[in-house]
């Protein structure tokens, strides 16, 4: 279940312009403190994770 700002934005987007979408988000974990590079890797929010999500969306879009 997703709650919060991300869900509100996703709902507004798909209601006005139905598009396949994926969200990058931190998993349900306690927050940590550290260097940005470490946190981005640890929470899977780096460029490689974004590319992976984009590829997932594109594969669904082209499957239609």
N, C-alpha and C. Protein backbone atom coordinates (compact mmCIF):
# COMPACT_ATOMS: atom_id res chain seq x y z
N UNK A 1 0.84 -1.17 0.00
CA UNK A 1 0.00 0.00 0.00
C UNK A 1 0.89 1.24 0.00
N UNK A 2 0.56 2.18 -0.85
CA UNK A 2 1.30 3.44 -0.90
C UNK A 2 0.45 4.54 -0.30
N UNK A 3 1.05 5.36 0.49
CA UNK A 3 0.33 6.48 1.10
C UNK A 3 1.17 7.74 0.96
N UNK A 4 0.52 8.89 0.90
CA UNK A 4 1.26 10.13 0.94
C UNK A 4 1.30 10.88 -0.37
N UNK A 5 2.29 11.77 -0.47
CA UNK A 5 2.42 12.66 -1.61
C UNK A 5 2.61 11.90 -2.91
N UNK A 6 3.44 10.87 -2.92
CA UNK A 6 3.66 10.09 -4.14
C UNK A 6 2.38 9.50 -4.68
N UNK A 7 1.54 8.97 -3.79
CA UNK A 7 0.26 8.41 -4.22
C UNK A 7 -0.66 9.48 -4.79
N UNK A 8 -0.67 10.64 -4.16
CA UNK A 8 -1.53 11.73 -4.64
C UNK A 8 -1.10 12.19 -6.03
N UNK A 9 0.19 12.32 -6.23
CA UNK A 9 0.70 12.74 -7.54
C UNK A 9 0.40 11.66 -8.58
N UNK A 10 0.65 10.40 -8.24
CA UNK A 10 0.39 9.30 -9.17
C UNK A 10 -1.08 9.25 -9.55
N UNK A 11 -1.95 9.42 -8.58
CA UNK A 11 -3.38 9.40 -8.85
C UNK A 11 -3.78 10.54 -9.78
N UNK A 12 -3.28 11.73 -9.54
CA UNK A 12 -3.61 12.87 -10.40
C UNK A 12 -3.09 12.66 -11.82
N UNK A 13 -1.90 12.11 -11.96
CA UNK A 13 -1.31 11.89 -13.29
C UNK A 13 -2.14 10.88 -14.08
N UNK A 14 -2.42 9.74 -13.48
CA UNK A 14 -3.12 8.70 -14.24
C UNK A 14 -4.58 9.03 -14.50
N UNK A 15 -5.16 9.91 -13.70
CA UNK A 15 -6.54 10.33 -13.96
C UNK A 15 -6.62 11.30 -15.13
N UNK A 16 -5.60 12.13 -15.30
CA UNK A 16 -5.65 13.14 -16.36
C UNK A 16 -4.94 12.70 -17.63
N UNK A 17 -3.98 11.80 -17.51
CA UNK A 17 -3.22 11.35 -18.67
C UNK A 17 -2.77 9.92 -18.38
N UNK A 18 -3.62 8.93 -18.68
CA UNK A 18 -3.27 7.56 -18.31
C UNK A 18 -1.97 7.09 -18.98
N UNK A 19 -0.98 6.90 -18.17
CA UNK A 19 0.33 6.48 -18.64
C UNK A 19 0.86 5.40 -17.70
N UNK A 20 1.67 4.49 -18.21
CA UNK A 20 2.31 3.54 -17.28
C UNK A 20 3.32 4.29 -16.43
N UNK A 21 3.41 3.94 -15.18
CA UNK A 21 4.36 4.64 -14.32
C UNK A 21 4.90 3.70 -13.25
N UNK A 22 6.06 4.02 -12.77
CA UNK A 22 6.72 3.35 -11.66
C UNK A 22 7.18 4.44 -10.71
N UNK A 23 7.31 4.07 -9.46
CA UNK A 23 7.80 5.04 -8.50
C UNK A 23 9.09 4.54 -7.87
N UNK A 24 9.99 5.46 -7.66
CA UNK A 24 11.22 5.16 -6.93
C UNK A 24 10.95 5.64 -5.51
N UNK A 25 11.11 4.76 -4.56
CA UNK A 25 10.83 5.15 -3.19
C UNK A 25 11.70 4.34 -2.25
N UNK A 26 11.84 4.83 -1.06
CA UNK A 26 12.58 4.05 -0.07
C UNK A 26 11.66 2.96 0.46
N UNK A 27 12.23 1.83 0.73
CA UNK A 27 11.45 0.73 1.31
C UNK A 27 11.12 1.09 2.75
N UNK A 28 10.19 0.38 3.32
CA UNK A 28 9.78 0.66 4.70
C UNK A 28 10.92 0.31 5.65
N UNK A 29 11.74 1.30 5.92
CA UNK A 29 12.90 1.14 6.80
C UNK A 29 13.09 2.41 7.59
N UNK A 30 13.80 2.29 8.69
CA UNK A 30 14.14 3.48 9.45
C UNK A 30 15.18 4.27 8.67
N UNK A 31 15.11 5.58 8.77
CA UNK A 31 16.05 6.45 8.07
C UNK A 31 17.45 6.33 8.64
N UNK A 32 18.41 6.65 7.81
CA UNK A 32 19.81 6.65 8.21
C UNK A 32 20.42 8.00 7.87
N UNK A 33 21.58 8.22 8.42
CA UNK A 33 22.35 9.43 8.13
C UNK A 33 23.66 8.98 7.52
N UNK A 34 24.10 9.69 6.49
CA UNK A 34 25.38 9.35 5.87
C UNK A 34 25.60 10.17 4.63
N UNK A 35 26.70 9.91 3.93
CA UNK A 35 26.99 10.61 2.68
C UNK A 35 25.90 10.32 1.63
N UNK A 36 25.64 11.28 0.79
CA UNK A 36 24.59 11.16 -0.21
C UNK A 36 24.79 9.92 -1.08
N UNK A 37 26.01 9.68 -1.55
CA UNK A 37 26.26 8.51 -2.40
C UNK A 37 25.87 7.21 -1.70
N UNK A 38 26.23 7.08 -0.43
CA UNK A 38 25.89 5.89 0.34
C UNK A 38 24.38 5.75 0.47
N UNK A 39 23.71 6.84 0.80
CA UNK A 39 22.26 6.78 1.00
C UNK A 39 21.54 6.45 -0.30
N UNK A 40 21.97 7.04 -1.41
CA UNK A 40 21.32 6.75 -2.69
C UNK A 40 21.48 5.29 -3.06
N UNK A 41 22.65 4.72 -2.81
CA UNK A 41 22.86 3.31 -3.12
C UNK A 41 22.07 2.44 -2.15
N UNK A 42 22.14 2.75 -0.89
CA UNK A 42 21.49 1.95 0.15
C UNK A 42 19.96 1.94 -0.01
N UNK A 43 19.39 3.06 -0.42
CA UNK A 43 17.94 3.16 -0.59
C UNK A 43 17.51 2.96 -2.04
N UNK A 44 18.45 2.53 -2.88
CA UNK A 44 18.17 2.22 -4.29
C UNK A 44 17.50 3.38 -5.03
N UNK A 45 18.10 4.55 -4.93
CA UNK A 45 17.57 5.75 -5.58
C UNK A 45 18.57 6.38 -6.53
N UNK A 46 19.59 5.64 -6.94
CA UNK A 46 20.60 6.16 -7.84
C UNK A 46 20.17 6.07 -9.29
N UNK A 47 21.02 6.54 -10.17
CA UNK A 47 20.72 6.57 -11.60
C UNK A 47 20.41 5.18 -12.14
N UNK A 48 21.17 4.17 -11.70
CA UNK A 48 20.92 2.82 -12.21
C UNK A 48 19.53 2.31 -11.82
N UNK A 49 19.05 2.71 -10.64
CA UNK A 49 17.70 2.31 -10.21
C UNK A 49 16.63 3.04 -11.02
N UNK A 50 16.89 4.30 -11.34
CA UNK A 50 15.95 5.06 -12.15
C UNK A 50 15.87 4.47 -13.55
N UNK A 51 17.02 4.11 -14.11
CA UNK A 51 17.03 3.50 -15.44
C UNK A 51 16.25 2.19 -15.43
N UNK A 52 16.42 1.39 -14.39
CA UNK A 52 15.70 0.12 -14.28
C UNK A 52 14.19 0.35 -14.27
N UNK A 53 13.73 1.36 -13.53
CA UNK A 53 12.30 1.67 -13.48
C UNK A 53 11.81 2.18 -14.83
N UNK A 54 12.60 3.00 -15.50
CA UNK A 54 12.23 3.51 -16.83
C UNK A 54 12.08 2.34 -17.80
N UNK A 55 13.01 1.40 -17.76
CA UNK A 55 12.93 0.25 -18.65
C UNK A 55 11.68 -0.58 -18.37
N UNK A 56 11.30 -0.70 -17.10
CA UNK A 56 10.07 -1.42 -16.74
C UNK A 56 8.85 -0.74 -17.34
N UNK A 57 8.80 0.58 -17.20
CA UNK A 57 7.68 1.34 -17.75
C UNK A 57 7.63 1.21 -19.27
N UNK A 58 8.78 1.35 -19.92
CA UNK A 58 8.80 1.26 -21.38
C UNK A 58 8.40 -0.12 -21.87
N UNK A 59 8.78 -1.15 -21.16
CA UNK A 59 8.39 -2.50 -21.58
C UNK A 59 6.89 -2.68 -21.46
N UNK A 60 6.26 -2.10 -20.45
CA UNK A 60 4.80 -2.18 -20.33
C UNK A 60 4.12 -1.35 -21.41
N UNK A 61 4.68 -0.18 -21.70
CA UNK A 61 4.09 0.69 -22.71
C UNK A 61 4.11 0.01 -24.08
N UNK A 62 5.22 -0.63 -24.40
CA UNK A 62 5.35 -1.26 -25.71
C UNK A 62 4.60 -2.59 -25.80
N UNK A 63 4.18 -3.13 -24.66
CA UNK A 63 3.46 -4.40 -24.66
C UNK A 63 1.98 -4.21 -25.02
N UNK A 64 1.53 -2.98 -25.03
CA UNK A 64 0.11 -2.71 -25.32
C UNK A 64 -0.25 -3.06 -26.70
